[in-house]
Amino acid sequence: MMSAGELESGNAGEPAKLIRQRYREAADIIKKGKMCCLFINDLDAGAGRMGGTTQYTVNNQMVNATLMNIADNPTNVQLPGMYNKEENPRVPIIVTGNDFSTLYAPLIRDGRMEKFYWAPTREDRIGVCKGKAAQQVNIPIPEGCTDPNAANFDPTARSDDGSCMYTLE
């Protein structure tokens, strides 16, 4: 999870680098067969333009460019000073915000970002205040062998059930 406050820094490029690092960390978790995503809270507060009250800095530009690059090429996210030919797993990026109209328009265009509007009910708001995820649903997690080196590897499995079988050579 990242907050909007992490999207600005006194050092140019640090927030964009942090996004790539967190994305790669999530990709490594997915490689191990576990579900993971990158969650950025209040993206509009960190990367949006709030009229004359905020500056558009080099970090804003680099955060937007990094997110667009990841959206366009999600299996080739590189860290600074390194190049890895191996593709990384695609990682869902979930962002929250209050006013996405303040974000860089090409970042939020159709095809690059899916947008969902959530208007919480009274029950939802009470659940949030009590620390309960009122909108949780019980979605089954596909189980199977998550080890790509196993003979019965199941690429759709998201939870290892201990059924992996190996051939001895």
N, C-alpha and C. Protein backbone atom coordinates (compact mmCIF):
# COMPACT_ATOMS: atom_id res chain seq x y z
N MET A 1 0.84 -1.17 0.00
CA MET A 1 0.00 0.00 0.00
C MET A 1 0.89 1.24 0.00
N MET A 2 0.47 2.20 -0.77
CA MET A 2 1.17 3.48 -0.82
C MET A 2 0.16 4.58 -0.53
N SER A 3 0.64 5.65 0.06
CA SER A 3 -0.22 6.80 0.30
C SER A 3 0.19 7.93 -0.63
N ALA A 4 -0.68 8.91 -0.76
CA ALA A 4 -0.39 10.06 -1.61
C ALA A 4 0.87 10.78 -1.16
N GLY A 5 1.15 10.77 0.13
CA GLY A 5 2.33 11.45 0.66
C GLY A 5 3.63 10.87 0.14
N GLU A 6 3.61 9.62 -0.29
CA GLU A 6 4.83 8.99 -0.83
C GLU A 6 5.07 9.36 -2.29
N LEU A 7 4.14 10.11 -2.89
CA LEU A 7 4.26 10.47 -4.29
C LEU A 7 4.95 11.82 -4.50
N GLU A 8 5.50 12.36 -3.42
CA GLU A 8 6.28 13.60 -3.52
C GLU A 8 7.53 13.43 -2.68
N SER A 9 8.60 14.04 -3.11
CA SER A 9 9.88 13.92 -2.42
C SER A 9 10.76 15.10 -2.82
N GLY A 10 11.72 15.39 -1.97
CA GLY A 10 12.70 16.42 -2.31
C GLY A 10 13.68 15.93 -3.35
N ASN A 11 13.72 14.63 -3.56
CA ASN A 11 14.64 14.04 -4.54
C ASN A 11 13.86 13.68 -5.80
N ALA A 12 14.26 14.26 -6.91
CA ALA A 12 13.59 14.00 -8.18
C ALA A 12 13.67 12.52 -8.54
N GLY A 13 12.55 11.95 -8.88
CA GLY A 13 12.50 10.56 -9.32
C GLY A 13 12.24 9.54 -8.24
N GLU A 14 12.38 9.92 -6.98
CA GLU A 14 12.19 8.95 -5.89
C GLU A 14 10.79 8.33 -5.86
N PRO A 15 9.71 9.11 -5.98
CA PRO A 15 8.38 8.50 -5.95
C PRO A 15 8.15 7.50 -7.09
N ALA A 16 8.60 7.83 -8.30
CA ALA A 16 8.44 6.92 -9.44
C ALA A 16 9.24 5.64 -9.20
N LYS A 17 10.43 5.78 -8.66
CA LYS A 17 11.26 4.62 -8.33
C LYS A 17 10.56 3.75 -7.29
N LEU A 18 9.95 4.38 -6.30
CA LEU A 18 9.24 3.65 -5.26
C LEU A 18 8.06 2.87 -5.84
N ILE A 19 7.34 3.47 -6.78
CA ILE A 19 6.23 2.76 -7.43
C ILE A 19 6.75 1.52 -8.14
N ARG A 20 7.85 1.65 -8.90
CA ARG A 20 8.42 0.49 -9.60
C ARG A 20 8.90 -0.57 -8.62
N GLN A 21 9.53 -0.15 -7.52
CA GLN A 21 9.99 -1.11 -6.52
C GLN A 21 8.82 -1.87 -5.91
N ARG A 22 7.78 -1.15 -5.53
CA ARG A 22 6.61 -1.81 -4.92
C ARG A 22 5.93 -2.74 -5.93
N TYR A 23 5.89 -2.33 -7.19
CA TYR A 23 5.30 -3.17 -8.24
C TYR A 23 6.10 -4.46 -8.38
N ARG A 24 7.42 -4.33 -8.43
CA ARG A 24 8.27 -5.53 -8.56
C ARG A 24 8.16 -6.43 -7.33
N GLU A 25 8.05 -5.83 -6.13
CA GLU A 25 7.86 -6.64 -4.92
C GLU A 25 6.55 -7.42 -5.01
N ALA A 26 5.49 -6.78 -5.47
CA ALA A 26 4.21 -7.46 -5.63
C ALA A 26 4.32 -8.56 -6.69
N ALA A 27 5.06 -8.30 -7.77
CA ALA A 27 5.26 -9.31 -8.81
C ALA A 27 5.99 -10.53 -8.25
N ASP A 28 6.97 -10.30 -7.39
CA ASP A 28 7.69 -11.41 -6.77
C ASP A 28 6.77 -12.24 -5.88
N ILE A 29 5.86 -11.59 -5.19
CA ILE A 29 4.89 -12.32 -4.35
C ILE A 29 3.98 -13.16 -5.24
N ILE A 30 3.55 -12.61 -6.37
CA ILE A 30 2.70 -13.35 -7.30
C ILE A 30 3.45 -14.54 -7.87
N LYS A 31 4.74 -14.37 -8.17
CA LYS A 31 5.56 -15.49 -8.67
C LYS A 31 5.56 -16.66 -7.70
N LYS A 32 5.43 -16.36 -6.41
CA LYS A 32 5.42 -17.40 -5.38
C LYS A 32 4.04 -18.02 -5.20
N GLY A 33 3.09 -17.63 -6.05
CA GLY A 33 1.77 -18.24 -6.02
C GLY A 33 0.77 -17.58 -5.09
N LYS A 34 1.08 -16.41 -4.61
CA LYS A 34 0.16 -15.71 -3.72
C LYS A 34 -0.47 -14.52 -4.46
N MET A 35 -1.67 -14.16 -4.04
CA MET A 35 -2.33 -13.00 -4.65
C MET A 35 -1.74 -11.72 -4.08
N CYS A 36 -1.63 -10.71 -4.92
CA CYS A 36 -1.08 -9.44 -4.46
C CYS A 36 -1.50 -8.35 -5.44
N CYS A 37 -1.53 -7.13 -4.96
CA CYS A 37 -1.78 -5.98 -5.83
C CYS A 37 -1.02 -4.79 -5.26
N LEU A 38 -0.90 -3.76 -6.05
CA LEU A 38 -0.34 -2.49 -5.58
C LEU A 38 -1.51 -1.56 -5.35
N PHE A 39 -1.63 -1.05 -4.13
CA PHE A 39 -2.75 -0.19 -3.75
C PHE A 39 -2.20 1.20 -3.46
N ILE A 40 -2.70 2.20 -4.19
CA ILE A 40 -2.27 3.58 -3.97
C ILE A 40 -3.49 4.36 -3.48
N ASN A 41 -3.40 4.83 -2.26
CA ASN A 41 -4.51 5.52 -1.62
C ASN A 41 -4.47 7.02 -1.95
N ASP A 42 -5.60 7.56 -2.36
CA ASP A 42 -5.74 9.00 -2.66
C ASP A 42 -4.75 9.49 -3.71
N LEU A 43 -4.71 8.80 -4.83
CA LEU A 43 -3.79 9.17 -5.92
C LEU A 43 -3.97 10.62 -6.33
N ASP A 44 -5.20 11.09 -6.34
CA ASP A 44 -5.44 12.47 -6.77
C ASP A 44 -4.78 13.49 -5.85
N ALA A 45 -4.64 13.16 -4.58
CA ALA A 45 -4.00 14.09 -3.64
C ALA A 45 -2.49 14.16 -3.85
N GLY A 46 -1.89 13.10 -4.39
CA GLY A 46 -0.45 13.09 -4.58
C GLY A 46 0.01 13.40 -5.98
N ALA A 47 -0.80 13.03 -6.98
CA ALA A 47 -0.39 13.22 -8.37
C ALA A 47 -1.32 14.14 -9.14
N GLY A 48 -2.39 14.58 -8.51
CA GLY A 48 -3.35 15.44 -9.19
C GLY A 48 -2.97 16.90 -9.13
N ARG A 49 -3.65 17.69 -9.95
CA ARG A 49 -3.43 19.14 -9.96
C ARG A 49 -4.66 19.79 -9.34
N MET A 50 -4.46 20.49 -8.26
CA MET A 50 -5.56 21.10 -7.52
C MET A 50 -5.62 22.60 -7.81
N GLY A 51 -5.82 22.95 -9.05
CA GLY A 51 -5.90 24.37 -9.42
C GLY A 51 -4.60 25.09 -9.12
N GLY A 52 -4.70 26.26 -8.52
CA GLY A 52 -3.52 27.04 -8.20
C GLY A 52 -2.91 26.71 -6.86
N THR A 53 -3.44 25.70 -6.19
CA THR A 53 -2.95 25.40 -4.83
C THR A 53 -1.79 24.42 -4.80
N THR A 54 -1.49 23.77 -5.92
CA THR A 54 -0.37 22.82 -5.93
C THR A 54 0.52 23.09 -7.13
N GLN A 55 1.77 22.71 -6.98
CA GLN A 55 2.72 22.81 -8.09
C GLN A 55 2.70 21.50 -8.86
N TYR A 56 2.99 21.58 -10.15
CA TYR A 56 3.16 20.38 -10.95
C TYR A 56 4.66 20.17 -11.05
N THR A 57 5.17 19.23 -10.27
CA THR A 57 6.61 19.04 -10.14
C THR A 57 7.11 17.95 -11.07
N VAL A 58 8.43 17.82 -11.14
CA VAL A 58 9.02 16.74 -11.92
C VAL A 58 8.59 15.39 -11.34
N ASN A 59 8.38 15.32 -10.04
CA ASN A 59 7.91 14.07 -9.45
C ASN A 59 6.50 13.74 -9.89
N ASN A 60 5.61 14.74 -10.00
CA ASN A 60 4.27 14.49 -10.52
C ASN A 60 4.35 13.92 -11.94
N GLN A 61 5.20 14.54 -12.76
CA GLN A 61 5.36 14.10 -14.14
C GLN A 61 5.86 12.66 -14.19
N MET A 62 6.85 12.36 -13.35
CA MET A 62 7.45 11.02 -13.38
C MET A 62 6.50 9.96 -12.81
N VAL A 63 5.71 10.31 -11.80
CA VAL A 63 4.71 9.38 -11.26
C VAL A 63 3.69 9.05 -12.35
N ASN A 64 3.17 10.08 -13.02
CA ASN A 64 2.21 9.85 -14.10
C ASN A 64 2.82 9.02 -15.22
N ALA A 65 4.03 9.36 -15.64
CA ALA A 65 4.69 8.63 -16.72
C ALA A 65 4.94 7.18 -16.31
N THR A 66 5.35 6.95 -15.07
CA THR A 66 5.61 5.59 -14.60
C THR A 66 4.33 4.77 -14.59
N LEU A 67 3.25 5.34 -14.07
CA LEU A 67 1.97 4.62 -14.04
C LEU A 67 1.47 4.32 -15.45
N MET A 68 1.63 5.27 -16.38
CA MET A 68 1.21 5.03 -17.77
C MET A 68 2.06 3.93 -18.40
N ASN A 69 3.37 3.96 -18.14
CA ASN A 69 4.26 2.95 -18.69
C ASN A 69 3.90 1.56 -18.16
N ILE A 70 3.62 1.47 -16.87
CA ILE A 70 3.23 0.18 -16.29
C ILE A 70 1.92 -0.30 -16.89
N ALA A 71 0.95 0.61 -17.06
CA ALA A 71 -0.34 0.23 -17.66
C ALA A 71 -0.16 -0.28 -19.08
N ASP A 72 0.75 0.32 -19.83
CA ASP A 72 0.97 -0.06 -21.22
C ASP A 72 1.87 -1.28 -21.37
N ASN A 73 2.74 -1.53 -20.41
CA ASN A 73 3.71 -2.63 -20.51
C ASN A 73 3.90 -3.25 -19.13
N PRO A 74 2.87 -3.92 -18.59
CA PRO A 74 2.90 -4.37 -17.19
C PRO A 74 3.84 -5.53 -16.89
N THR A 75 4.34 -6.21 -17.92
CA THR A 75 5.22 -7.35 -17.66
C THR A 75 6.70 -7.01 -17.83
N ASN A 76 7.01 -5.73 -18.04
CA ASN A 76 8.40 -5.31 -18.19
C ASN A 76 8.64 -4.05 -17.38
N VAL A 77 8.61 -4.19 -16.07
CA VAL A 77 8.83 -3.06 -15.17
C VAL A 77 10.24 -3.19 -14.60
N GLN A 78 11.09 -2.23 -14.94
CA GLN A 78 12.50 -2.29 -14.57
C GLN A 78 12.80 -1.36 -13.40
N LEU A 79 13.80 -1.74 -12.63
CA LEU A 79 14.29 -0.90 -11.55
C LEU A 79 15.47 -0.09 -12.08
N PRO A 80 15.72 1.08 -11.51
CA PRO A 80 16.83 1.91 -11.99
C PRO A 80 18.17 1.18 -11.90
N GLY A 81 18.95 1.29 -12.96
CA GLY A 81 20.28 0.70 -12.98
C GLY A 81 20.30 -0.80 -13.21
N MET A 82 19.15 -1.40 -13.47
CA MET A 82 19.09 -2.85 -13.68
C MET A 82 18.26 -3.12 -14.92
N TYR A 83 18.57 -4.21 -15.60
CA TYR A 83 17.70 -4.67 -16.68
C TYR A 83 17.54 -6.16 -16.55
N ASN A 84 16.31 -6.61 -16.49
CA ASN A 84 16.00 -8.02 -16.37
C ASN A 84 15.20 -8.43 -17.59
N LYS A 85 15.71 -9.36 -18.38
CA LYS A 85 15.02 -9.81 -19.59
C LYS A 85 13.76 -10.61 -19.27
N GLU A 86 13.75 -11.24 -18.10
CA GLU A 86 12.61 -12.08 -17.71
C GLU A 86 11.38 -11.21 -17.43
N GLU A 87 10.26 -11.60 -18.03
CA GLU A 87 9.03 -10.85 -17.79
C GLU A 87 8.56 -11.07 -16.36
N ASN A 88 8.00 -10.03 -15.77
CA ASN A 88 7.43 -10.17 -14.44
C ASN A 88 5.92 -10.38 -14.57
N PRO A 89 5.30 -11.02 -13.57
CA PRO A 89 3.85 -11.19 -13.62
C PRO A 89 3.14 -9.84 -13.60
N ARG A 90 1.99 -9.82 -14.21
CA ARG A 90 1.16 -8.60 -14.22
C ARG A 90 0.57 -8.41 -12.83
N VAL A 91 0.66 -7.20 -12.30
CA VAL A 91 0.18 -6.89 -10.95
C VAL A 91 -0.97 -5.89 -11.06
N PRO A 92 -2.13 -6.22 -10.50
CA PRO A 92 -3.21 -5.23 -10.51
C PRO A 92 -2.82 -4.01 -9.67
N ILE A 93 -3.13 -2.84 -10.17
CA ILE A 93 -2.91 -1.60 -9.42
C ILE A 93 -4.28 -1.02 -9.11
N ILE A 94 -4.56 -0.85 -7.84
CA ILE A 94 -5.83 -0.29 -7.40
C ILE A 94 -5.53 1.07 -6.78
N VAL A 95 -6.23 2.08 -7.26
CA VAL A 95 -6.04 3.43 -6.71
C VAL A 95 -7.38 3.94 -6.19
N THR A 96 -7.30 4.75 -5.15
CA THR A 96 -8.50 5.43 -4.66
C THR A 96 -8.28 6.92 -4.84
N GLY A 97 -9.36 7.65 -4.83
CA GLY A 97 -9.27 9.10 -4.95
C GLY A 97 -10.64 9.72 -4.82
N ASN A 98 -10.65 11.01 -4.66
CA ASN A 98 -11.90 11.74 -4.53
C ASN A 98 -12.27 12.50 -5.80
N ASP A 99 -11.27 12.87 -6.60
CA ASP A 99 -11.54 13.65 -7.80
C ASP A 99 -10.52 13.29 -8.87
N PHE A 100 -10.83 12.29 -9.67
CA PHE A 100 -9.90 11.84 -10.69
C PHE A 100 -9.78 12.84 -11.84
N SER A 101 -10.65 13.84 -11.90
CA SER A 101 -10.53 14.85 -12.96
C SER A 101 -9.27 15.69 -12.78
N THR A 102 -8.65 15.64 -11.60
CA THR A 102 -7.41 16.39 -11.36
C THR A 102 -6.18 15.64 -11.87
N LEU A 103 -6.36 14.38 -12.25
CA LEU A 103 -5.23 13.57 -12.72
C LEU A 103 -4.93 13.86 -14.19
N TYR A 104 -3.74 13.53 -14.60
CA TYR A 104 -3.29 13.69 -15.97
C TYR A 104 -4.21 12.87 -16.88
N ALA A 105 -4.88 13.52 -17.82
CA ALA A 105 -5.92 12.90 -18.63
C ALA A 105 -5.49 11.60 -19.33
N PRO A 106 -4.31 11.54 -19.96
CA PRO A 106 -3.92 10.29 -20.61
C PRO A 106 -3.78 9.11 -19.64
N LEU A 107 -3.53 9.39 -18.36
CA LEU A 107 -3.41 8.31 -17.38
C LEU A 107 -4.76 7.65 -17.12
N ILE A 108 -5.83 8.43 -17.14
CA ILE A 108 -7.13 7.88 -16.76
C ILE A 108 -8.04 7.57 -17.95
N ARG A 109 -7.50 7.63 -19.16
CA ARG A 109 -8.33 7.37 -20.33
C ARG A 109 -8.79 5.91 -20.35
N ASP A 110 -9.89 5.66 -21.06
CA ASP A 110 -10.39 4.30 -21.21
C ASP A 110 -9.33 3.45 -21.90
N GLY A 111 -9.19 2.24 -21.45
CA GLY A 111 -8.18 1.34 -21.97
C GLY A 111 -6.91 1.33 -21.14
N ARG A 112 -6.70 2.39 -20.40
CA ARG A 112 -5.53 2.45 -19.53
C ARG A 112 -5.96 2.32 -18.07
N MET A 113 -7.15 2.79 -17.74
CA MET A 113 -7.64 2.71 -16.37
C MET A 113 -9.13 2.38 -16.39
N GLU A 114 -9.52 1.39 -15.61
CA GLU A 114 -10.94 1.10 -15.39
C GLU A 114 -11.38 1.88 -14.17
N LYS A 115 -12.48 2.61 -14.28
CA LYS A 115 -12.94 3.43 -13.16
C LYS A 115 -14.25 2.87 -12.60
N PHE A 116 -14.33 2.84 -11.29
CA PHE A 116 -15.54 2.39 -10.60
C PHE A 116 -15.90 3.45 -9.57
N TYR A 117 -17.15 3.82 -9.57
CA TYR A 117 -17.62 4.80 -8.60
C TYR A 117 -18.33 4.06 -7.48
N TRP A 118 -17.94 4.33 -6.26
CA TRP A 118 -18.56 3.69 -5.10
C TRP A 118 -19.20 4.76 -4.24
N ALA A 119 -20.50 4.69 -4.11
CA ALA A 119 -21.24 5.59 -3.23
C ALA A 119 -21.67 4.76 -2.03
N PRO A 120 -20.92 4.84 -0.93
CA PRO A 120 -21.22 3.96 0.21
C PRO A 120 -22.60 4.24 0.81
N THR A 121 -23.28 3.15 1.13
CA THR A 121 -24.56 3.26 1.83
C THR A 121 -24.29 3.61 3.28
N ARG A 122 -25.34 3.88 4.01
CA ARG A 122 -25.18 4.16 5.45
C ARG A 122 -24.52 2.96 6.14
N GLU A 123 -24.95 1.76 5.77
CA GLU A 123 -24.37 0.54 6.35
C GLU A 123 -22.88 0.42 6.02
N ASP A 124 -22.52 0.75 4.78
CA ASP A 124 -21.11 0.73 4.39
C ASP A 124 -20.28 1.70 5.23
N ARG A 125 -20.80 2.94 5.39
CA ARG A 125 -20.07 3.95 6.17
C ARG A 125 -19.90 3.52 7.62
N ILE A 126 -20.94 2.92 8.19
CA ILE A 126 -20.84 2.41 9.56
C ILE A 126 -19.78 1.31 9.62
N GLY A 127 -19.77 0.43 8.62
CA GLY A 127 -18.77 -0.64 8.57
C GLY A 127 -17.36 -0.10 8.48
N VAL A 128 -17.17 0.96 7.68
CA VAL A 128 -15.85 1.58 7.57
C VAL A 128 -15.42 2.14 8.91
N CYS A 129 -16.34 2.82 9.60
CA CYS A 129 -16.01 3.41 10.91
C CYS A 129 -15.68 2.33 11.94
N LYS A 130 -16.30 1.18 11.81
CA LYS A 130 -16.04 0.08 12.75
C LYS A 130 -14.84 -0.76 12.32
N GLY A 131 -14.25 -0.41 11.18
CA GLY A 131 -13.08 -1.14 10.71
C GLY A 131 -13.44 -2.43 9.99
N LYS A 132 -14.65 -2.53 9.53
CA LYS A 132 -15.09 -3.73 8.82
C LYS A 132 -15.24 -3.39 7.35
N ALA A 133 -14.81 -4.29 6.51
CA ALA A 133 -14.99 -4.11 5.07
C ALA A 133 -16.40 -4.54 4.72
N ALA A 134 -17.30 -3.61 4.73
CA ALA A 134 -18.72 -3.92 4.55
C ALA A 134 -19.02 -4.49 3.18
N GLN A 135 -18.16 -4.24 2.19
CA GLN A 135 -18.45 -4.70 0.84
C GLN A 135 -17.72 -6.00 0.49
N GLN A 136 -17.13 -6.65 1.46
CA GLN A 136 -16.43 -7.90 1.15
C GLN A 136 -17.41 -8.95 0.69
N VAL A 137 -16.99 -9.72 -0.27
CA VAL A 137 -17.78 -10.86 -0.74
C VAL A 137 -16.92 -12.09 -0.63
N ASN A 138 -17.54 -13.23 -0.54
CA ASN A 138 -16.81 -14.48 -0.41
C ASN A 138 -16.52 -15.02 -1.80
N ILE A 139 -15.35 -14.74 -2.32
CA ILE A 139 -14.95 -15.20 -3.64
C ILE A 139 -13.98 -16.36 -3.46
N PRO A 140 -14.27 -17.51 -4.08
CA PRO A 140 -13.35 -18.64 -3.92
C PRO A 140 -12.01 -18.36 -4.58
N ILE A 141 -10.95 -18.79 -3.92
CA ILE A 141 -9.60 -18.63 -4.45
C ILE A 141 -9.20 -19.96 -5.09
N PRO A 142 -8.88 -19.96 -6.39
CA PRO A 142 -8.52 -21.21 -7.06
C PRO A 142 -7.28 -21.84 -6.41
N GLU A 143 -7.40 -23.11 -6.03
CA GLU A 143 -6.29 -23.82 -5.42
C GLU A 143 -5.70 -24.80 -6.42
N GLY A 144 -4.45 -25.15 -6.21
CA GLY A 144 -3.77 -26.11 -7.05
C GLY A 144 -2.28 -26.00 -6.83
N CYS A 145 -1.51 -26.57 -7.74
CA CYS A 145 -0.05 -26.52 -7.65
C CYS A 145 0.43 -25.20 -8.25
N THR A 146 1.12 -24.39 -7.45
CA THR A 146 1.58 -23.08 -7.91
C THR A 146 3.07 -23.04 -8.25
N ASP A 147 3.73 -24.20 -8.20
CA ASP A 147 5.17 -24.25 -8.50
C ASP A 147 5.36 -24.50 -10.00
N PRO A 148 5.91 -23.52 -10.75
CA PRO A 148 6.09 -23.70 -12.19
C PRO A 148 7.04 -24.84 -12.55
N ASN A 149 7.84 -25.31 -11.60
CA ASN A 149 8.76 -26.42 -11.87
C ASN A 149 8.10 -27.78 -11.69
N ALA A 150 6.89 -27.82 -11.19
CA ALA A 150 6.20 -29.09 -10.95
C ALA A 150 5.55 -29.60 -12.23
N ALA A 151 5.38 -30.91 -12.31
CA ALA A 151 4.78 -31.54 -13.48
C ALA A 151 3.31 -31.14 -13.64
N ASN A 152 2.65 -30.90 -12.54
CA ASN A 152 1.22 -30.57 -12.58
C ASN A 152 0.95 -29.10 -12.23
N PHE A 153 1.87 -28.22 -12.62
CA PHE A 153 1.72 -26.78 -12.37
C PHE A 153 0.39 -26.28 -12.95
N ASP A 154 -0.35 -25.51 -12.16
CA ASP A 154 -1.62 -24.94 -12.59
C ASP A 154 -1.48 -23.41 -12.59
N PRO A 155 -1.33 -22.79 -13.77
CA PRO A 155 -1.13 -21.34 -13.82
C PRO A 155 -2.34 -20.54 -13.33
N THR A 156 -3.50 -21.17 -13.24
CA THR A 156 -4.69 -20.45 -12.76
C THR A 156 -4.82 -20.51 -11.25
N ALA A 157 -4.05 -21.38 -10.59
CA ALA A 157 -4.14 -21.51 -9.12
C ALA A 157 -3.52 -20.29 -8.46
N ARG A 158 -4.15 -19.80 -7.42
CA ARG A 158 -3.65 -18.66 -6.66
C ARG A 158 -3.30 -19.05 -5.24
N SER A 159 -3.57 -20.28 -4.86
CA SER A 159 -3.24 -20.78 -3.53
C SER A 159 -2.73 -22.21 -3.67
N ASP A 160 -1.54 -22.47 -3.13
CA ASP A 160 -0.96 -23.80 -3.25
C ASP A 160 -1.65 -24.75 -2.28
N ASP A 161 -2.16 -25.87 -2.82
CA ASP A 161 -2.86 -26.84 -1.99
C ASP A 161 -1.99 -28.04 -1.62
N GLY A 162 -0.70 -27.99 -1.94
CA GLY A 162 0.22 -29.06 -1.58
C GLY A 162 0.19 -30.25 -2.53
N SER A 163 -0.42 -30.10 -3.69
CA SER A 163 -0.58 -31.22 -4.62
C SER A 163 0.53 -31.31 -5.67
N CYS A 164 1.55 -30.48 -5.60
CA CYS A 164 2.60 -30.47 -6.62
C CYS A 164 3.30 -31.82 -6.71
N MET A 165 3.52 -32.26 -7.96
CA MET A 165 4.23 -33.51 -8.22
C MET A 165 5.44 -33.20 -9.10
N TYR A 166 6.53 -33.88 -8.82
CA TYR A 166 7.77 -33.63 -9.53
C TYR A 166 8.27 -34.91 -10.17
N THR A 167 8.93 -34.78 -11.32
CA THR A 167 9.54 -35.94 -11.97
C THR A 167 11.02 -35.94 -11.65
N LEU A 168 11.53 -37.11 -11.35
CA LEU A 168 12.96 -37.25 -11.06
C LEU A 168 13.67 -37.67 -12.33
N GLU A 169 14.72 -36.99 -12.64
CA GLU A 169 15.47 -37.32 -13.85
C GLU A 169 16.84 -37.81 -13.50
